[in-house]
Protein backbone atom coordinates (compact mmCIF):
# COMPACT_ATOMS: atom_id res chain seq x y z
CA UNK A 1 0.00 7.71 -0.54
CA UNK A 2 2.15 10.63 -1.44
CA UNK A 3 5.83 11.35 -1.61
CA UNK A 4 7.63 14.55 -0.79
CA UNK A 5 8.69 16.43 -3.89
CA UNK A 6 11.86 18.04 -2.57
CA UNK A 7 15.26 16.81 -3.75
CA UNK A 8 17.76 14.81 -1.76
CA UNK A 9 21.51 15.13 -1.30
CA UNK A 10 23.85 12.18 -1.93
CA UNK A 11 24.48 12.13 1.83
CA UNK A 12 21.55 9.75 2.36
CA UNK A 13 22.89 7.15 -0.08
CA UNK A 14 23.35 3.73 1.52
CA UNK A 15 26.04 2.58 -0.93
CA UNK A 16 28.73 1.03 1.23
CA UNK A 17 26.46 0.94 4.30
CA UNK A 18 25.34 -2.32 5.93
CA UNK A 19 22.04 -3.69 4.62
CA UNK A 20 19.60 -6.27 5.93
CA UNK A 21 18.05 -7.90 2.85
CA UNK A 22 14.91 -9.87 3.79
CA UNK A 23 13.79 -12.04 0.86
CA UNK A 24 10.17 -13.14 1.07
CA UNK A 25 9.58 -16.86 0.35
CA UNK A 26 6.92 -16.06 -2.24
CA UNK A 27 9.48 -14.07 -4.24
CA UNK A 28 11.96 -16.94 -4.09
CA UNK A 29 9.37 -19.34 -5.47
CA UNK A 30 7.81 -17.14 -8.14
CA UNK A 31 10.83 -15.35 -9.64
CA UNK A 32 14.14 -16.68 -8.40
CA UNK A 33 16.02 -15.00 -11.25
CA UNK A 34 14.89 -11.50 -10.24
CA UNK A 35 15.78 -12.30 -6.63
CA UNK A 36 19.27 -13.39 -7.70
CA UNK A 37 19.79 -10.26 -9.80
CA UNK A 38 18.65 -7.95 -6.99
CA UNK A 39 20.87 -9.76 -4.49
CA UNK A 40 23.92 -9.46 -6.77
CA UNK A 41 23.40 -5.72 -7.30
CA UNK A 42 22.88 -5.06 -3.60
CA UNK A 43 25.86 -7.14 -2.48
CA UNK A 44 28.09 -5.42 -5.06
CA UNK A 45 27.20 -1.99 -3.72
CA UNK A 46 27.01 -2.53 0.04
CA UNK A 47 27.70 -5.00 2.79
CA UNK A 48 24.51 -7.04 2.81
CA UNK A 49 23.25 -9.63 5.26
CA UNK A 50 20.83 -11.91 3.42
CA UNK A 51 17.86 -13.34 5.38
CA UNK A 52 15.63 -16.09 3.97
CA UNK A 53 12.68 -16.35 6.38
CA UNK A 54 10.34 -19.29 5.98
CA UNK A 55 7.46 -17.88 8.01
CA UNK A 56 6.09 -14.71 9.62
CA UNK A 57 7.90 -15.34 12.91
CA UNK A 58 11.27 -15.56 11.14
CA UNK A 59 10.41 -12.49 9.08
CA UNK A 60 9.64 -10.54 12.27
CA UNK A 61 12.76 -11.82 14.04
CA UNK A 62 15.00 -10.81 11.14
CA UNK A 63 13.57 -7.30 11.11
CA UNK A 64 13.80 -6.97 14.90
CA UNK A 65 17.46 -8.02 14.88
CA UNK A 66 18.49 -5.61 12.15
CA UNK A 67 20.73 -3.56 14.46
CA UNK A 68 22.18 -0.67 12.47
CA UNK A 69 21.51 -2.32 9.13
CA UNK A 70 19.19 -0.67 6.65
CA UNK A 71 16.21 -3.01 5.96
CA UNK A 72 15.47 -3.98 2.37
CA UNK A 73 12.38 -6.04 1.53
CA UNK A 74 12.54 -8.22 -1.58
CA UNK A 75 9.06 -9.45 -2.43
CA UNK A 76 5.56 -8.36 -3.36
CA UNK A 77 3.26 -5.72 -1.90
CA UNK A 78 2.18 -7.95 0.97
CA UNK A 79 5.79 -8.39 2.04
CA UNK A 80 6.17 -4.60 2.08
CA UNK A 81 3.07 -4.17 4.16
CA UNK A 82 4.18 -6.93 6.52
CA UNK A 83 7.40 -4.98 7.22
CA UNK A 84 5.57 -1.67 7.66
CA UNK A 85 3.04 -3.30 9.98
CA UNK A 86 5.75 -4.85 12.17
CA UNK A 87 7.57 -1.55 12.55
CA UNK A 88 4.28 0.24 13.21
CA UNK A 89 3.36 -2.17 15.99
CA UNK A 90 6.80 -1.67 17.55
CA UNK A 91 6.38 2.12 17.21
CA UNK A 92 9.63 2.28 15.25
CA UNK A 93 8.19 3.09 11.84
CA UNK A 94 9.07 6.79 11.80
CA UNK A 95 12.73 6.12 12.58
CA UNK A 96 13.42 3.25 10.17
CA UNK A 97 13.47 4.07 6.44
CA UNK A 98 12.55 1.11 4.25
CA UNK A 99 13.71 0.01 0.84
CA UNK A 100 11.79 -2.24 -1.51
CA UNK A 101 12.69 -4.46 -4.45
CA UNK A 102 9.34 -5.57 -5.94
CA UNK A 103 9.30 -9.17 -7.14
CA UNK A 104 6.19 -10.89 -8.41
CA UNK A 105 3.51 -10.74 -11.11
CA UNK A 106 2.41 -7.18 -12.02
CA UNK A 107 -0.86 -7.37 -10.10
CA UNK A 108 1.00 -8.26 -6.88
CA UNK A 109 3.40 -5.29 -7.02
CA UNK A 110 0.94 -2.61 -8.18
CA UNK A 111 1.08 -0.77 -4.85
CA UNK A 112 4.88 -0.61 -4.92
CA UNK A 113 4.74 0.81 -8.43
CA UNK A 114 2.09 3.34 -7.42
CA UNK A 115 4.29 4.48 -4.54
CA UNK A 116 7.10 5.17 -7.04
CA UNK A 117 9.32 2.10 -6.64
CA UNK A 118 10.75 0.78 -9.94
CA UNK A 119 9.45 -2.70 -10.73
CA UNK A 120 12.57 -3.74 -12.63
CA UNK A 121 14.88 -5.68 -10.29
CA UNK A 122 18.07 -3.88 -11.35
CA UNK A 123 16.50 -0.40 -11.20
CA UNK A 124 14.91 -1.14 -7.83
CA UNK A 125 18.17 -2.46 -6.36
CA UNK A 126 20.05 0.60 -7.63
CA UNK A 127 17.36 2.78 -6.06
CA UNK A 128 18.06 1.06 -2.74
CA UNK A 129 21.72 2.04 -3.04
CA UNK A 130 21.47 5.52 -4.55
CA UNK A 131 17.88 6.68 -4.08
CA UNK A 132 16.57 9.20 -1.59
CA UNK A 133 14.29 8.83 1.42
CA UNK A 134 10.81 10.29 1.02
CA UNK A 135 8.17 10.59 3.75
CA UNK A 136 4.90 8.86 2.91
CA UNK A 137 1.37 9.20 4.30
CA UNK A 138 -0.65 6.24 5.53
CA UNK A 139 -3.99 5.56 7.21
CA UNK A 140 -4.35 4.06 10.68
CA UNK A 141 -7.61 2.68 12.01
CA UNK A 142 -9.05 2.31 15.49
CA UNK A 143 -7.85 -1.31 15.68
CA UNK A 144 -4.22 -0.26 15.03
CA UNK A 145 -4.36 -1.48 11.43
CA UNK A 146 -2.65 0.45 8.64
CA UNK A 147 -3.42 1.22 5.00
CA UNK A 148 -0.68 2.31 2.59
CA UNK A 149 -2.46 2.62 -0.73
CA UNK A 150 -6.18 2.87 -0.10
CA UNK A 151 -9.30 1.12 1.08
CA UNK A 152 -12.70 0.41 -0.41
CA UNK A 153 -16.15 -0.71 0.63
CA UNK A 154 -17.60 -3.09 -0.55
CA UNK A 155 -14.68 -5.49 -0.79
CA UNK A 156 -16.12 -8.09 -3.19
CA UNK A 157 -14.40 -8.92 -6.47
CA UNK A 158 -15.22 -6.24 -9.00
CA UNK A 159 -17.21 -4.31 -6.38
CA UNK A 160 -20.27 -4.55 -8.54
CA UNK A 161 -18.79 -2.58 -11.40
CA UNK A 162 -18.14 0.42 -9.17
CA UNK A 163 -15.98 3.07 -10.90
CA UNK A 164 -12.54 3.10 -9.36
CA UNK A 165 -12.75 -0.55 -8.30
CA UNK A 166 -11.31 -3.59 -10.01
CA UNK A 167 -10.52 -7.13 -8.98
CA UNK A 168 -7.01 -7.51 -7.67
CA UNK A 169 -4.71 -9.45 -5.41
CA UNK A 170 -2.35 -12.36 -5.76
CA UNK A 171 -3.63 -15.55 -7.37
CA UNK A 172 -5.57 -17.69 -4.92
CA UNK A 173 -7.83 -16.71 -2.09
CA UNK A 174 -7.07 -13.35 -0.45
CA UNK A 175 -5.95 -13.35 3.16
CA UNK A 176 -8.60 -12.14 5.59
CA UNK A 177 -7.97 -10.28 8.83
CA UNK A 178 -8.17 -12.68 11.72
CA UNK A 179 -8.69 -15.68 9.45
CA UNK A 180 -6.92 -18.99 9.83
CA UNK A 181 -6.51 -19.52 6.13
CA UNK A 182 -3.00 -18.06 6.02
CA UNK A 183 -0.89 -15.11 5.01
CA UNK A 184 0.33 -15.02 1.43
CA UNK A 185 3.39 -17.23 1.21
CA UNK A 186 2.94 -18.61 4.72
CA UNK A 187 0.36 -21.45 4.59
CA UNK A 188 -1.64 -22.07 7.72
CA UNK A 189 -0.70 -18.79 9.40
CA UNK A 190 -3.19 -16.17 10.53
CA UNK A 191 -3.24 -12.91 8.62
CA UNK A 192 -2.03 -9.77 10.31
CA UNK A 193 -4.09 -6.57 10.30
CA UNK A 194 -3.57 -4.37 7.29
CA UNK A 195 -2.70 -5.33 3.77
CA UNK A 196 -0.59 -4.45 0.83
CA UNK A 197 -1.42 -4.42 -2.84
CA UNK A 198 -3.51 -2.43 -5.23
CA UNK A 199 -6.38 -2.90 -7.61
CA UNK A 200 -4.50 -2.24 -10.78
CA UNK A 201 -1.50 -3.42 -12.69
CA UNK A 202 0.24 -2.48 -15.90
CA UNK A 203 1.97 -5.51 -17.42
CA UNK A 204 4.97 -3.34 -18.29
CA UNK A 205 7.08 -1.03 -16.17
CA UNK A 206 6.16 2.61 -16.62
CA UNK A 207 8.43 5.32 -15.26
CA UNK A 208 5.38 7.52 -14.82
CA UNK A 209 6.01 8.74 -11.29
CA UNK A 210 6.60 12.45 -10.84
CA UNK A 211 6.17 14.48 -7.66
CA UNK A 212 3.43 16.56 -9.25
CA UNK A 213 1.44 13.40 -9.94
CA UNK A 214 1.46 12.12 -6.37
CA UNK A 215 -2.17 12.71 -5.64
CA UNK A 216 -5.03 10.57 -4.52
CA UNK A 217 -6.64 11.08 -7.93
CA UNK A 218 -3.66 9.32 -9.54
CA UNK A 219 -4.04 6.45 -7.10
CA UNK A 220 -7.73 6.15 -7.85
CA UNK A 221 -7.04 6.04 -11.57
CA UNK A 222 -4.68 3.13 -10.93
CA UNK A 223 -7.37 1.36 -8.93
CA UNK A 224 -9.66 1.59 -11.93
CA UNK A 225 -7.26 -0.29 -14.23
CA UNK A 226 -8.19 -3.94 -14.85
CA UNK A 227 -5.91 -6.31 -12.99
CA UNK A 228 -3.54 -8.47 -15.00
CA UNK A 229 -4.51 -12.10 -15.01
CA UNK A 230 -7.76 -11.36 -13.25
CA UNK A 231 -9.97 -13.11 -15.74
CA UNK A 232 -11.45 -15.51 -13.22
CA UNK A 233 -12.80 -12.65 -11.13
CA UNK A 234 -15.83 -11.35 -13.01
CA UNK A 235 -18.06 -8.47 -12.06
CA UNK A 236 -20.88 -9.04 -9.64
CA UNK A 237 -24.26 -7.32 -9.50
CA UNK A 238 -24.15 -3.81 -8.09
CA UNK A 239 -24.66 -3.64 -4.35
CA UNK A 240 -26.54 -1.02 -2.37
CA UNK A 241 -25.09 -0.32 1.02
CA UNK A 242 -26.62 1.66 3.84
CA UNK A 243 -23.73 3.37 5.57
CA UNK A 244 -23.23 6.46 7.67
CA UNK A 245 -20.12 8.24 6.43
CA UNK A 246 -18.48 11.15 8.22
CA UNK A 247 -15.44 13.14 7.11
CA UNK A 248 -13.76 15.23 9.83
CA UNK A 249 -17.03 15.10 11.76
CA UNK A 250 -19.15 16.35 8.86
CA UNK A 251 -21.92 13.98 7.77
CA UNK A 252 -21.65 13.01 4.10
CA UNK A 253 -24.22 10.20 3.97
CA UNK A 254 -26.68 8.80 6.49
CA UNK A 255 -28.30 5.38 6.67
CA UNK A 256 -31.48 6.55 4.97
CA UNK A 257 -29.77 6.76 1.55
CA UNK A 258 -28.05 3.73 -0.05
CA UNK A 259 -24.64 4.04 -1.67
CA UNK A 260 -22.80 1.83 -4.14
CA UNK A 261 -19.44 2.12 -2.39
CA UNK A 262 -16.77 4.21 -0.72
CA UNK A 263 -13.05 4.62 -1.35
CA UNK A 264 -10.44 6.35 0.82
CA UNK A 265 -6.90 7.06 -0.40
CA UNK A 266 -4.25 8.85 1.72
CA UNK A 267 -2.06 11.60 0.34
CA UNK A 268 -4.63 13.91 -1.26
CA UNK A 269 -2.77 16.85 -2.77
CA UNK A 270 0.11 17.07 -0.32
CA UNK A 271 3.84 16.58 -0.23
CA UNK A 272 3.75 13.68 2.19
CA UNK A 273 5.14 15.71 5.07
CA UNK A 274 1.92 17.30 6.31
CA UNK A 275 2.65 20.66 4.69
CA UNK A 276 0.74 22.52 2.02
CA UNK A 277 1.54 21.72 -1.57
CA UNK A 278 2.53 24.45 -4.09
CA UNK A 279 -1.15 24.92 -5.02
CA UNK A 280 -1.98 25.81 -1.42
CA UNK A 281 -3.96 22.68 -0.60
CA UNK A 282 -3.56 21.45 2.98
CA UNK A 283 -1.33 18.43 3.53
CA UNK A 284 -1.99 15.23 5.45
CA UNK A 285 -5.38 14.55 3.88
CA UNK A 286 -7.14 11.59 2.31
CA UNK A 287 -9.47 11.71 -0.68
CA UNK A 288 -12.87 10.24 0.15
CA UNK A 289 -15.15 9.27 -2.75
CA UNK A 290 -18.75 8.16 -2.22
CA UNK A 291 -20.42 6.51 -5.21
CA UNK A 292 -24.20 6.52 -5.64
CA UNK A 293 -26.39 3.97 -7.41
CA UNK A 294 -27.05 4.92 -11.00
CA UNK A 295 -25.25 7.71 -12.81
CA UNK A 296 -25.33 10.38 -10.14
CA UNK A 297 -22.09 12.28 -9.70
CA UNK A 298 -20.06 10.94 -6.75
CA UNK A 299 -19.16 12.98 -3.68
CA UNK A 300 -15.45 13.81 -3.42
CA UNK A 301 -14.01 15.41 -0.30
CA UNK A 302 -10.65 15.63 1.44
CA UNK A 303 -10.40 14.89 5.13
CA UNK A 304 -8.00 13.90 7.89
CA UNK A 305 -10.35 11.35 9.47
CA UNK A 306 -13.14 9.22 8.00
CA UNK A 307 -15.69 7.21 9.99
CA UNK A 308 -17.92 4.58 8.37
CA UNK A 309 -20.79 2.98 10.33
CA UNK A 310 -23.64 0.64 9.47
CA UNK A 311 -24.69 -2.99 9.48
CA UNK A 312 -21.80 -5.45 9.57
CA UNK A 313 -19.56 -4.65 6.61
CA UNK A 314 -16.23 -5.81 5.25
CA UNK A 315 -13.63 -3.57 3.68
CA UNK A 316 -10.56 -4.14 1.57
CA UNK A 317 -7.45 -2.37 2.87
CA UNK A 318 -4.76 -2.61 0.19
CA UNK A 319 -4.81 -6.36 -0.70
CA UNK A 320 -6.42 -7.78 2.43
CA UNK A 321 -9.99 -7.93 3.68
CA UNK A 322 -11.04 -6.61 7.10
CA UNK A 323 -14.22 -6.99 9.09
CA UNK A 324 -16.99 -7.57 9.64
CA UNK A 325 -17.29 -4.40 11.69
CA UNK A 326 -20.12 -2.01 12.46
CA UNK A 327 -17.98 1.09 12.69
CA UNK A 328 -14.42 1.96 11.79
CA UNK A 329 -12.47 5.20 11.74
CA UNK A 330 -9.42 5.80 9.54
CA UNK A 331 -7.07 8.70 10.23
CA UNK A 332 -4.32 10.08 8.00
CA UNK A 333 -0.84 9.98 9.49
CA UNK A 334 1.19 12.43 7.38
CA UNK A 335 4.80 11.46 6.71
CA UNK A 336 4.44 8.45 9.03
CA UNK A 337 6.96 6.28 7.19
CA UNK A 338 9.87 6.69 4.81
CA UNK A 339 10.59 4.86 1.58
CA UNK A 340 13.62 5.05 -0.70
CA UNK A 341 12.62 6.20 -4.19
CA UNK A 342 14.55 7.28 -7.31
CA UNK A 343 16.06 10.73 -7.07
CA UNK A 344 14.47 13.44 -9.16
CA UNK A 345 16.49 15.30 -11.77
């Protein structure tokens, strides 16, 4: 979940270029004023085609018919992940830079903020016009799902008080992979693989993002922050899982020793482009943290691929739940997608 730290020239500005602005229905219902403000700023700075999809099929059709227009997603984290997932499935993700205007309660745009996107509508819209493209890491799994911000096991609310885990997600029941309950904002529709969102939210906008801070440790600290408005999701008793966990083929934990949980976050100490960072750490890695029952110090390693096996388990990938599965492998894809972020001074 890292961004490249190099600067950008004004040549990649989209001001005056054609835009495809896809406004998620959830954003239109929850904060119409922010949507209007973002639309006004974007239309004033570029030729914008406004799309108002009412369901996932219309969302996908709008994105597929973008032509030469630069896609801009106006909505929450799940809308961002929906766009990334569609482009990934069409194998067009690497060639289509995305822009994001986060709209929604703080807990529903925490991933966007963690990636470096301003959460203020005016600042985010101006970033679309004048920001710079930055390559970002993500995780892919062996079912062709993707993870932008991070994943965790177990996936229950509060994760039993596990450090680095907090209840999160949009109000209401979370969408589940393969479920018939519906995708956020699209009642009655099946959820697509993957998810978007994050565990943590700061009620106010914080311009905290700096290239030097784009590490998995920063992401994990965000995951540990209590979610705004998450009062109804209390902590549950600590769980003990029996999982076999391998990182780049090296065995970290076997089934004979229970663990409290596992977290995996892409972008561990790299510049997002698969190269070494200034400190000499290899790029294109994920930070893997294994938590033990009790107060024992957790295991922290960096790896390109992580395999988790065991009895049927669920996992939370960004804001959605996957599983049950008996084994799953996640692999870091360095610089797999591009996102427009504020330029650095």
